[in-house]
């Protein structure tokens, strides 16, 4: 079992930046692919970014809507995943969730992930 806890959400003006963290406990994250998703009120949970494990090679994936603005990274020694969000827009407002994928699969789908955090609210004002 892996427990995930997000932090770093908050209120920011459009054009600003936030850095989210996702700390894992229970088991190390090193053997899991990790992802970030978000869910706005009345909308489905949508993919934001994912990063695979170190072997055979690290791959990162981004939703088109955040490409060039968001960066996913991980520190396996700290069992922590990060999401650096720059140039934030009001449409980025949502609850952000981190997730861990043990089995491998379609990183863009929430169904591929086995463990989820409780979410952290990000609000971008115009």
Protein backbone atom coordinates (compact mmCIF):
# COMPACT_ATOMS: atom_id res chain seq x y z
CA UNK A 1 0.00 0.00 0.00
CA UNK A 2 1.07 3.52 -0.77
CA UNK A 3 -0.34 6.59 0.91
CA UNK A 4 -0.07 9.87 -0.97
CA UNK A 5 -0.45 13.34 0.50
CA UNK A 6 -0.50 16.46 -1.66
CA UNK A 7 0.44 19.93 -0.49
CA UNK A 8 1.23 23.32 -1.93
CA UNK A 9 -2.12 24.36 -3.30
CA UNK A 10 -3.53 27.82 -2.76
CA UNK A 11 -4.75 31.02 -4.33
CA UNK A 12 -2.64 32.76 -6.95
CA UNK A 13 -3.19 35.46 -9.53
CA UNK A 14 -3.16 34.69 -13.21
CA UNK A 15 0.39 34.56 -14.50
CA UNK A 16 1.72 33.40 -11.17
CA UNK A 17 3.31 30.14 -10.09
CA UNK A 18 2.68 27.37 -7.61
CA UNK A 19 4.59 24.25 -6.73
CA UNK A 20 2.70 21.17 -5.63
CA UNK A 21 4.26 18.30 -3.73
CA UNK A 22 3.08 14.75 -3.25
CA UNK A 23 4.73 12.79 -0.47
CA UNK A 24 4.44 9.03 -0.39
CA UNK A 25 4.57 6.75 2.59
CA UNK A 26 4.15 3.05 3.09
CA UNK A 27 6.28 2.05 0.15
CA UNK A 28 8.88 3.82 -1.90
CA UNK A 29 7.69 5.47 -5.07
CA UNK A 30 10.72 4.42 -7.07
CA UNK A 31 8.96 1.48 -8.74
CA UNK A 32 5.78 3.39 -9.60
CA UNK A 33 4.92 5.67 -12.43
CA UNK A 34 3.40 8.84 -11.02
CA UNK A 35 0.86 11.24 -12.36
CA UNK A 36 -1.03 14.44 -11.64
CA UNK A 37 -4.69 14.89 -12.44
CA UNK A 38 -7.12 17.70 -11.77
CA UNK A 39 -10.83 18.05 -11.40
CA UNK A 40 -12.80 21.27 -11.68
CA UNK A 41 -16.36 21.57 -10.33
CA UNK A 42 -18.83 19.81 -12.58
CA UNK A 43 -16.10 18.32 -14.76
CA UNK A 44 -14.44 14.94 -15.04
CA UNK A 45 -11.01 14.29 -13.65
CA UNK A 46 -8.48 15.08 -16.33
CA UNK A 47 -4.88 14.18 -16.94
CA UNK A 48 -2.23 16.81 -16.30
CA UNK A 49 1.18 15.13 -16.31
CA UNK A 50 2.91 11.81 -15.71
CA UNK A 51 6.42 10.58 -15.21
CA UNK A 52 7.53 6.99 -15.50
CA UNK A 53 10.06 5.13 -13.40
CA UNK A 54 13.79 5.38 -13.96
CA UNK A 55 14.10 2.09 -15.79
CA UNK A 56 14.37 1.49 -18.70
CA UNK A 57 14.22 5.23 -19.18
CA UNK A 58 12.30 8.14 -17.81
CA UNK A 59 9.46 9.43 -19.90
CA UNK A 60 7.25 12.38 -19.16
CA UNK A 61 3.83 13.16 -20.56
CA UNK A 62 1.82 16.35 -20.45
CA UNK A 63 -1.65 17.41 -21.39
CA UNK A 64 -1.59 19.86 -24.27
CA UNK A 65 -3.23 22.47 -22.08
CA UNK A 66 -0.27 22.58 -19.68
CA UNK A 67 2.65 21.75 -21.96
CA UNK A 68 5.38 24.35 -21.65
CA UNK A 69 3.93 25.72 -18.41
CA UNK A 70 3.94 22.77 -16.01
CA UNK A 71 6.81 20.47 -15.09
CA UNK A 72 6.56 17.14 -13.30
CA UNK A 73 9.54 15.83 -11.41
CA UNK A 74 10.27 13.26 -8.76
CA UNK A 75 12.78 12.67 -6.02
CA UNK A 76 12.83 8.94 -5.38
CA UNK A 77 15.10 9.35 -2.36
CA UNK A 78 12.40 11.47 -0.74
CA UNK A 79 9.50 9.50 -2.26
CA UNK A 80 8.09 12.78 -3.42
CA UNK A 81 6.62 13.96 -6.69
CA UNK A 82 6.42 17.60 -7.68
CA UNK A 83 4.38 19.65 -10.08
CA UNK A 84 5.80 23.08 -10.87
CA UNK A 85 3.09 25.25 -12.38
CA UNK A 86 4.02 28.50 -14.10
CA UNK A 87 2.04 31.05 -16.07
CA UNK A 88 -1.12 29.92 -14.36
CA UNK A 89 -4.49 30.68 -15.92
CA UNK A 90 -7.96 30.86 -14.37
CA UNK A 91 -8.85 27.68 -16.27
CA UNK A 92 -6.19 25.85 -14.25
CA UNK A 93 -8.41 26.21 -11.19
CA UNK A 94 -9.21 22.75 -9.87
CA UNK A 95 -8.47 20.21 -7.19
CA UNK A 96 -5.16 18.60 -8.08
CA UNK A 97 -4.51 14.94 -7.30
CA UNK A 98 -1.36 12.90 -7.47
CA UNK A 99 -1.51 9.22 -8.25
CA UNK A 100 0.78 6.21 -8.43
CA UNK A 101 0.65 3.47 -11.04
CA UNK A 102 2.03 0.07 -10.13
CA UNK A 103 0.90 -1.93 -13.13
CA UNK A 104 1.79 0.26 -16.07
CA UNK A 105 -0.68 1.22 -18.72
CA UNK A 106 -2.28 4.26 -20.25
CA UNK A 107 -0.78 7.06 -18.20
CA UNK A 108 -3.39 9.48 -19.52
CA UNK A 109 -6.26 7.56 -17.92
CA UNK A 110 -7.11 7.74 -14.22
CA UNK A 111 -8.10 4.08 -14.44
CA UNK A 112 -4.43 3.12 -14.79
CA UNK A 113 -3.53 4.38 -11.33
CA UNK A 114 -3.71 2.32 -8.19
CA UNK A 115 -3.25 4.91 -5.46
CA UNK A 116 -4.52 8.45 -5.05
CA UNK A 117 -3.98 11.36 -2.74
CA UNK A 118 -6.78 13.39 -1.22
CA UNK A 119 -6.21 16.39 -3.47
CA UNK A 120 -5.16 19.99 -2.99
CA UNK A 121 -7.09 23.03 -4.19
CA UNK A 122 -5.54 25.38 -6.70
CA UNK A 123 -7.40 28.61 -7.43
CA UNK A 124 -6.21 31.07 -10.05
CA UNK A 125 -7.84 34.47 -10.01
CA UNK A 126 -8.11 36.66 -13.08
